[in-house]
Amino acid sequence: MLQEFVEQVEKAARSVMEEMHTAIPGKITAFNVGTGFATVKPYGTYTTDSGRKMAYPTVTEVPVIIPQSQAVSYTHLTLPT
């Protein structure tokens, strides 16, 4: 009975974690100037339930926000060609 309880707690925690979205560093591999969207390849790997390590998939249509202010009139941003 205790084992069943532990499994249910693990299942609930895993379910919550699957819906959790956080920031992760990545590399912009493509940028569409017209839409302001980028294709990003996240750095790092994740571990599957079976213990296999896999690279994060490429994420498409990521909005790019370029910080600006009235005090700064020049922003330098380098994007892939």
Protein backbone atom coordinates (compact mmCIF):
# COMPACT_ATOMS: atom_id res chain seq x y z
CA MET A 1 0.00 0.00 0.00
CA LEU A 2 2.86 2.40 0.77
CA GLN A 3 4.40 1.64 -2.63
CA GLU A 4 1.13 2.58 -4.35
CA PHE A 5 1.06 5.86 -2.45
CA VAL A 6 4.65 6.65 -3.45
CA GLU A 7 3.87 5.86 -7.10
CA GLN A 8 0.83 8.14 -7.05
CA VAL A 9 2.84 11.00 -5.54
CA GLU A 10 5.58 10.52 -8.16
CA LYS A 11 2.96 10.44 -10.92
CA ALA A 12 1.35 13.65 -9.65
CA ALA A 13 4.73 15.40 -9.36
CA ARG A 14 5.72 14.28 -12.87
CA SER A 15 2.41 15.56 -14.25
CA VAL A 16 2.95 18.98 -12.65
CA MET A 17 6.53 19.15 -13.94
CA GLU A 18 5.42 18.36 -17.50
CA GLU A 19 3.27 21.51 -17.47
CA MET A 20 5.99 23.71 -15.95
CA HIS A 21 7.62 26.10 -18.41
CA THR A 22 10.82 27.94 -17.58
CA ALA A 23 13.63 29.74 -19.38
CA ILE A 24 16.63 27.87 -20.79
CA PRO A 25 19.65 29.24 -22.66
CA GLY A 26 19.71 28.61 -26.39
CA LYS A 27 21.18 29.66 -29.71
CA ILE A 28 19.17 31.55 -32.33
CA THR A 29 19.62 29.54 -35.52
CA ALA A 30 17.24 31.59 -37.70
CA PHE A 31 15.48 34.95 -37.42
CA ASN A 32 12.63 36.38 -39.48
CA VAL A 33 12.96 40.18 -39.49
CA GLY A 34 9.43 40.61 -40.86
CA THR A 35 7.69 38.69 -38.07
CA GLY A 36 10.21 39.12 -35.25
CA PHE A 37 10.21 35.37 -34.64
CA ALA A 38 13.28 33.17 -34.23
CA THR A 39 14.11 29.48 -34.39
CA VAL A 40 16.06 28.54 -31.26
CA LYS A 41 18.16 25.46 -30.43
CA PRO A 42 18.21 25.09 -26.62
CA TYR A 43 21.51 24.14 -25.00
CA GLY A 44 21.70 21.01 -22.88
CA THR A 45 19.96 17.67 -22.67
CA TYR A 46 17.09 16.13 -20.78
CA THR A 47 16.59 12.63 -19.42
CA THR A 48 13.60 10.54 -20.49
CA ASP A 49 11.64 8.30 -18.13
CA SER A 50 13.69 5.36 -19.41
CA GLY A 51 16.96 7.14 -18.46
CA ARG A 52 18.00 8.03 -22.01
CA LYS A 53 19.63 11.46 -22.47
CA MET A 54 18.36 13.47 -25.43
CA ALA A 55 19.01 16.93 -26.85
CA TYR A 56 16.19 19.43 -26.50
CA PRO A 57 14.23 19.86 -29.74
CA THR A 58 14.51 23.04 -31.79
CA VAL A 59 11.80 25.57 -30.89
CA THR A 60 10.17 27.57 -33.69
CA GLU A 61 8.26 30.86 -33.70
CA VAL A 62 9.94 32.22 -30.56
CA PRO A 63 9.16 35.93 -30.21
CA VAL A 64 12.30 38.08 -29.94
CA ILE A 65 12.07 41.09 -27.65
CA ILE A 66 14.71 43.78 -28.16
CA PRO A 67 15.02 45.97 -25.06
CA GLN A 68 14.82 49.68 -25.78
CA SER A 69 14.47 52.88 -23.80
CA GLN A 70 14.41 56.61 -24.36
CA ALA A 71 17.81 56.88 -22.68
CA VAL A 72 19.48 54.45 -25.10
CA SER A 73 19.21 55.30 -28.76
CA TYR A 74 21.41 52.49 -30.14
CA THR A 75 21.00 48.77 -29.62
CA HIS A 76 23.49 46.38 -31.18
CA LEU A 77 22.14 42.93 -31.93
CA THR A 78 23.96 40.25 -33.89
CA LEU A 79 21.86 37.57 -35.56
CA PRO A 80 22.81 34.58 -37.70
CA THR A 81 22.93 35.13 -41.45
